[in-house]
Amino acid sequence: MQFISLSEAPHLLPQVAHWYFDTWGRHVPGMSLDDEQIRLEVFLQQDELPLLLLAMQDQRLVAAAQLKFHERTERPERLHWLGGVYVCESQRGHGLAARLIEEVMTRGRGFGVRDVYLQTERDDGGLYRRLGWKPLEMQVHASGVPVRIMQRSVSATE
């Protein structure tokens, strides 16, 4: 398994945009696939945040995850967010999401990130709780779906 940033493989942006739009974006009123692609262009810079990390197996894209700024704006002090964790169906159930998240957290530490937040539709936290994320509160996503906000220190990966 190889982990690379989207900036190292910009030709994969349309595939990631399709994954994200089909999974989440289509539920947001007014969101289009074109909007999703434009939104992801911020991840094309190198050597700085935000970061969109891709998992490649045999030169094939199999997963993606983001480390970004301000997923939710109502709490501006919550600066860094994990988001867009997606594993293609054929690779699910083999621990790839956990490996990808740990790689994102490790790279975040290299950028000076200390605390990372996320939102999940799983009220119990699912995979994230098993990886050491702590539940904070419930919010409502722009799609109207309730989400659990969670937090973890990047030092938890050491």
C-alpha atoms as a PDB file:
ATOM      1  CA  MET A   1       0.000   0.000   0.000  1.00  0.00           C
ATOM      2  CA  GLN A   2       1.295   3.424  -0.932  1.00  0.00           C
ATOM      3  CA  PHE A   3       0.004   6.727   0.467  1.00  0.00           C
ATOM      4  CA  ILE A   4       0.334   9.838  -1.715  1.00  0.00           C
ATOM      5  CA  SER A   5      -1.202  13.291  -1.660  1.00  0.00           C
ATOM      6  CA  LEU A   6      -3.711  14.402  -4.260  1.00  0.00           C
ATOM      7  CA  SER A   7      -1.153  16.999  -5.349  1.00  0.00           C
ATOM      8  CA  GLU A   8       1.084  14.098  -6.456  1.00  0.00           C
ATOM      9  CA  ALA A   9      -1.711  12.630  -8.615  1.00  0.00           C
ATOM     10  CA  PRO A  10      -4.065  15.461  -9.660  1.00  0.00           C
ATOM     11  CA  HIS A  11      -5.530  13.299 -12.429  1.00  0.00           C
ATOM     12  CA  LEU A  12      -7.316  11.330  -9.661  1.00  0.00           C
ATOM     13  CA  LEU A  13      -9.344  14.357  -8.493  1.00  0.00           C
ATOM     14  CA  PRO A  14     -12.409  13.440 -10.645  1.00  0.00           C
ATOM     15  CA  GLN A  15     -12.522   9.916  -9.138  1.00  0.00           C
ATOM     16  CA  VAL A  16     -12.342  11.247  -5.586  1.00  0.00           C
ATOM     17  CA  ALA A  17     -14.997  13.856  -6.409  1.00  0.00           C
ATOM     18  CA  HIS A  18     -17.304  11.078  -7.693  1.00  0.00           C
ATOM     19  CA  TRP A  19     -16.792   9.050  -4.523  1.00  0.00           C
ATOM     20  CA  TYR A  20     -17.504  12.031  -2.290  1.00  0.00           C
ATOM     21  CA  PHE A  21     -20.458  13.299  -4.265  1.00  0.00           C
ATOM     22  CA  ASP A  22     -22.103   9.864  -4.541  1.00  0.00           C
ATOM     23  CA  THR A  23     -21.589   9.178  -0.826  1.00  0.00           C
ATOM     24  CA  TRP A  24     -22.253  12.569   0.773  1.00  0.00           C
ATOM     25  CA  GLY A  25     -22.594  15.487  -1.643  1.00  0.00           C
ATOM     26  CA  ARG A  26     -25.779  14.365  -3.366  1.00  0.00           C
ATOM     27  CA  HIS A  27     -27.569  14.693  -0.018  1.00  0.00           C
ATOM     28  CA  VAL A  28     -26.671  18.385   0.337  1.00  0.00           C
ATOM     29  CA  PRO A  29     -29.292  20.643  -1.254  1.00  0.00           C
ATOM     30  CA  GLY A  30     -27.925  22.481  -4.289  1.00  0.00           C
ATOM     31  CA  MET A  31     -24.629  20.528  -4.394  1.00  0.00           C
ATOM     32  CA  SER A  32     -23.453  19.189  -7.775  1.00  0.00           C
ATOM     33  CA  LEU A  33     -20.606  16.948  -8.910  1.00  0.00           C
ATOM     34  CA  ASP A  34     -18.968  20.019 -10.470  1.00  0.00           C
ATOM     35  CA  ASP A  35     -19.192  21.791  -7.097  1.00  0.00           C
ATOM     36  CA  GLU A  36     -17.501  18.802  -5.463  1.00  0.00           C
ATOM     37  CA  GLN A  37     -14.637  18.865  -7.965  1.00  0.00           C
ATOM     38  CA  ILE A  38     -14.121  22.603  -7.496  1.00  0.00           C
ATOM     39  CA  ARG A  39     -14.215  22.179  -3.715  1.00  0.00           C
ATOM     40  CA  LEU A  40     -11.414  19.594  -3.913  1.00  0.00           C
ATOM     41  CA  GLU A  41      -9.057  21.853  -5.873  1.00  0.00           C
ATOM     42  CA  VAL A  42      -7.869  23.373  -2.588  1.00  0.00           C
ATOM     43  CA  PHE A  43      -6.072  20.053  -1.948  1.00  0.00           C
ATOM     44  CA  LEU A  44      -3.833  20.384  -5.027  1.00  0.00           C
ATOM     45  CA  GLN A  45      -1.097  22.419  -3.302  1.00  0.00           C
ATOM     46  CA  GLN A  46       2.017  20.695  -1.999  1.00  0.00           C
ATOM     47  CA  ASP A  47       3.747  20.612   1.376  1.00  0.00           C
ATOM     48  CA  GLU A  48       1.034  22.358   3.383  1.00  0.00           C
ATOM     49  CA  LEU A  49      -2.449  21.842   4.738  1.00  0.00           C
ATOM     50  CA  PRO A  50      -5.127  21.067   3.738  1.00  0.00           C
ATOM     51  CA  LEU A  51      -4.107  17.551   2.736  1.00  0.00           C
ATOM     52  CA  LEU A  52      -6.043  14.943   0.780  1.00  0.00           C
ATOM     53  CA  LEU A  53      -4.253  11.622   1.180  1.00  0.00           C
ATOM     54  CA  LEU A  54      -4.816   8.790  -1.284  1.00  0.00           C
ATOM     55  CA  ALA A  55      -4.211   5.079  -0.744  1.00  0.00           C
ATOM     56  CA  MET A  56      -2.892   3.319  -3.833  1.00  0.00           C
ATOM     57  CA  GLN A  57      -2.685  -0.434  -4.317  1.00  0.00           C
ATOM     58  CA  ASP A  58      -1.028  -1.761  -7.462  1.00  0.00           C
ATOM     59  CA  GLN A  59      -1.223   1.789  -8.908  1.00  0.00           C
ATOM     60  CA  ARG A  60      -5.001   1.826  -8.358  1.00  0.00           C
ATOM     61  CA  LEU A  61      -6.807   4.349  -6.161  1.00  0.00           C
ATOM     62  CA  VAL A  62      -8.536   2.486  -3.323  1.00  0.00           C
ATOM     63  CA  ALA A  63      -9.133   5.054  -0.549  1.00  0.00           C
ATOM     64  CA  ALA A  64      -8.962   8.718   0.392  1.00  0.00           C
ATOM     65  CA  ALA A  65      -9.019  10.904   3.505  1.00  0.00           C
ATOM     66  CA  GLN A  66      -8.628  14.605   4.235  1.00  0.00           C
ATOM     67  CA  LEU A  67      -7.005  16.724   6.908  1.00  0.00           C
ATOM     68  CA  LYS A  68      -8.540  20.154   6.505  1.00  0.00           C
ATOM     69  CA  PHE A  69      -9.510  23.373   8.215  1.00  0.00           C
ATOM     70  CA  HIS A  70     -12.867  24.211   9.799  1.00  0.00           C
ATOM     71  CA  GLU A  71     -15.236  21.455   8.719  1.00  0.00           C
ATOM     72  CA  ARG A  72     -17.756  23.138  10.996  1.00  0.00           C
ATOM     73  CA  THR A  73     -17.592  26.885  11.447  1.00  0.00           C
ATOM     74  CA  GLU A  74     -19.694  27.332  14.607  1.00  0.00           C
ATOM     75  CA  ARG A  75     -16.634  26.515  16.749  1.00  0.00           C
ATOM     76  CA  PRO A  76     -13.687  28.356  15.104  1.00  0.00           C
ATOM     77  CA  GLU A  77     -11.251  27.165  17.768  1.00  0.00           C
ATOM     78  CA  ARG A  78     -11.638  23.651  16.330  1.00  0.00           C
ATOM     79  CA  LEU A  79      -9.168  24.236  13.532  1.00  0.00           C
ATOM     80  CA  HIS A  80      -8.160  20.838  12.083  1.00  0.00           C
ATOM     81  CA  TRP A  81     -10.654  18.237  10.883  1.00  0.00           C
ATOM     82  CA  LEU A  82     -10.437  14.716   9.514  1.00  0.00           C
ATOM     83  CA  GLY A  83     -12.962  14.233   6.743  1.00  0.00           C
ATOM     84  CA  GLY A  84     -13.773  12.467   3.531  1.00  0.00           C
ATOM     85  CA  VAL A  85     -12.624   9.056   4.762  1.00  0.00           C
ATOM     86  CA  TYR A  86     -13.652   6.786   1.907  1.00  0.00           C
ATOM     87  CA  VAL A  87     -12.595   3.223   1.045  1.00  0.00           C
ATOM     88  CA  CYS A  88     -13.755   1.627  -2.204  1.00  0.00           C
ATOM     89  CA  GLU A  89     -16.146  -1.258  -1.618  1.00  0.00           C
ATOM     90  CA  SER A  90     -13.745  -4.024  -2.690  1.00  0.00           C
ATOM     91  CA  GLN A  91     -11.225  -2.927  -0.022  1.00  0.00           C
ATOM     92  CA  ARG A  92     -13.555  -2.492   2.946  1.00  0.00           C
ATOM     93  CA  GLY A  93     -13.210  -4.663   6.019  1.00  0.00           C
ATOM     94  CA  HIS A  94      -9.435  -5.099   5.770  1.00  0.00           C
ATOM     95  CA  GLY A  95      -8.259  -2.306   8.071  1.00  0.00           C
ATOM     96  CA  LEU A  96      -7.428   0.137   5.281  1.00  0.00           C
ATOM     97  CA  ALA A  97      -9.434   3.033   6.766  1.00  0.00           C
ATOM     98  CA  ALA A  98      -7.560   2.693  10.063  1.00  0.00           C
ATOM     99  CA  ARG A  99      -4.182   2.647   8.290  1.00  0.00           C
ATOM    100  CA  LEU A 100      -5.116   5.666   6.182  1.00  0.00           C
ATOM    101  CA  ILE A 101      -6.362   7.638   9.206  1.00  0.00           C
ATOM    102  CA  GLU A 102      -3.161   6.881  11.119  1.00  0.00           C
ATOM    103  CA  GLU A 103      -1.097   8.087   8.143  1.00  0.00           C
ATOM    104  CA  VAL A 104      -3.146  11.300   7.968  1.00  0.00           C
ATOM    105  CA  MET A 105      -2.627  11.871  11.691  1.00  0.00           C
ATOM    106  CA  THR A 106       1.125  11.227  11.399  1.00  0.00           C
ATOM    107  CA  ARG A 107       1.433  13.694   8.545  1.00  0.00           C
ATOM    108  CA  GLY A 108      -0.660  16.187  10.485  1.00  0.00           C
ATOM    109  CA  ARG A 109       1.781  15.989  13.378  1.00  0.00           C
ATOM    110  CA  GLY A 110       4.517  16.928  10.880  1.00  0.00           C
ATOM    111  CA  PHE A 111       2.542  20.092  10.085  1.00  0.00           C
ATOM    112  CA  GLY A 112       2.271  20.974  13.780  1.00  0.00           C
ATOM    113  CA  VAL A 113      -1.326  19.817  14.194  1.00  0.00           C
ATOM    114  CA  ARG A 114      -2.213  18.959  17.782  1.00  0.00           C
ATOM    115  CA  ASP A 115      -5.940  18.214  17.955  1.00  0.00           C
ATOM    116  CA  VAL A 116      -8.151  16.884  15.166  1.00  0.00           C
ATOM    117  CA  TYR A 117     -11.944  16.790  15.051  1.00  0.00           C
ATOM    118  CA  LEU A 118     -14.362  14.850  12.882  1.00  0.00           C
ATOM    119  CA  GLN A 119     -18.064  14.318  12.352  1.00  0.00           C
ATOM    120  CA  THR A 120     -19.653  10.928  11.833  1.00  0.00           C
ATOM    121  CA  GLU A 121     -23.182   9.702  11.343  1.00  0.00           C
ATOM    122  CA  ARG A 122     -22.441   6.823  13.735  1.00  0.00           C
ATOM    123  CA  ASP A 123     -23.660   7.981  17.140  1.00  0.00           C
ATOM    124  CA  ASP A 124     -21.456   5.393  18.862  1.00  0.00           C
ATOM    125  CA  GLY A 125     -18.389   6.604  16.930  1.00  0.00           C
ATOM    126  CA  GLY A 126     -17.826   3.243  15.230  1.00  0.00           C
ATOM    127  CA  LEU A 127     -14.318   2.896  13.830  1.00  0.00           C
ATOM    128  CA  TYR A 128     -13.290   6.286  15.164  1.00  0.00           C
ATOM    129  CA  ARG A 129     -14.019   5.377  18.782  1.00  0.00           C
ATOM    130  CA  ARG A 130     -11.972   2.191  18.330  1.00  0.00           C
ATOM    131  CA  LEU A 131      -9.099   4.388  17.067  1.00  0.00           C
ATOM    132  CA  GLY A 132      -9.146   6.570  20.185  1.00  0.00           C
ATOM    133  CA  TRP A 133     -11.486   9.401  19.165  1.00  0.00           C
ATOM    134  CA  LYS A 134     -13.560  10.888  21.994  1.00  0.00           C
ATOM    135  CA  PRO A 135     -17.205  11.934  21.484  1.00  0.00           C
ATOM    136  CA  LEU A 136     -17.945  15.596  22.164  1.00  0.00           C
ATOM    137  CA  GLU A 137     -21.464  16.535  21.038  1.00  0.00           C
ATOM    138  CA  MET A 138     -24.201  16.064  18.481  1.00  0.00           C
ATOM    139  CA  GLN A 139     -24.761  18.550  15.624  1.00  0.00           C
ATOM    140  CA  VAL A 140     -26.858  18.588  12.464  1.00  0.00           C
ATOM    141  CA  HIS A 141     -25.068  18.344   9.108  1.00  0.00           C
ATOM    142  CA  ALA A 142     -26.020  20.629   6.182  1.00  0.00           C
ATOM    143  CA  SER A 143     -27.878  17.634   4.719  1.00  0.00           C
ATOM    144  CA  GLY A 144     -30.108  17.548   7.818  1.00  0.00           C
ATOM    145  CA  VAL A 145     -28.516  14.354   9.171  1.00  0.00           C
ATOM    146  CA  PRO A 146     -27.475  14.300  12.847  1.00  0.00           C
ATOM    147  CA  VAL A 147     -23.734  13.778  13.312  1.00  0.00           C
ATOM    148  CA  ARG A 148     -21.500  13.017  16.271  1.00  0.00           C
ATOM    149  CA  ILE A 149     -18.547  15.412  16.688  1.00  0.00           C
ATOM    150  CA  MET A 150     -15.410  13.662  17.972  1.00  0.00           C
ATOM    151  CA  GLN A 151     -11.873  14.734  18.875  1.00  0.00           C
ATOM    152  CA  ARG A 152      -8.439  13.151  19.119  1.00  0.00           C
ATOM    153  CA  SER A 153      -4.951  14.444  19.777  1.00  0.00           C
ATOM    154  CA  VAL A 154      -2.395  13.582  17.108  1.00  0.00           C
ATOM    155  CA  SER A 155      -0.098  12.464  19.930  1.00  0.00           C
ATOM    156  CA  ALA A 156      -2.445   9.474  20.313  1.00  0.00           C
ATOM    157  CA  THR A 157      -0.709   8.025  17.238  1.00  0.00           C
ATOM    158  CA  GLU A 158       2.691   7.909  18.948  1.00  0.00           C
END
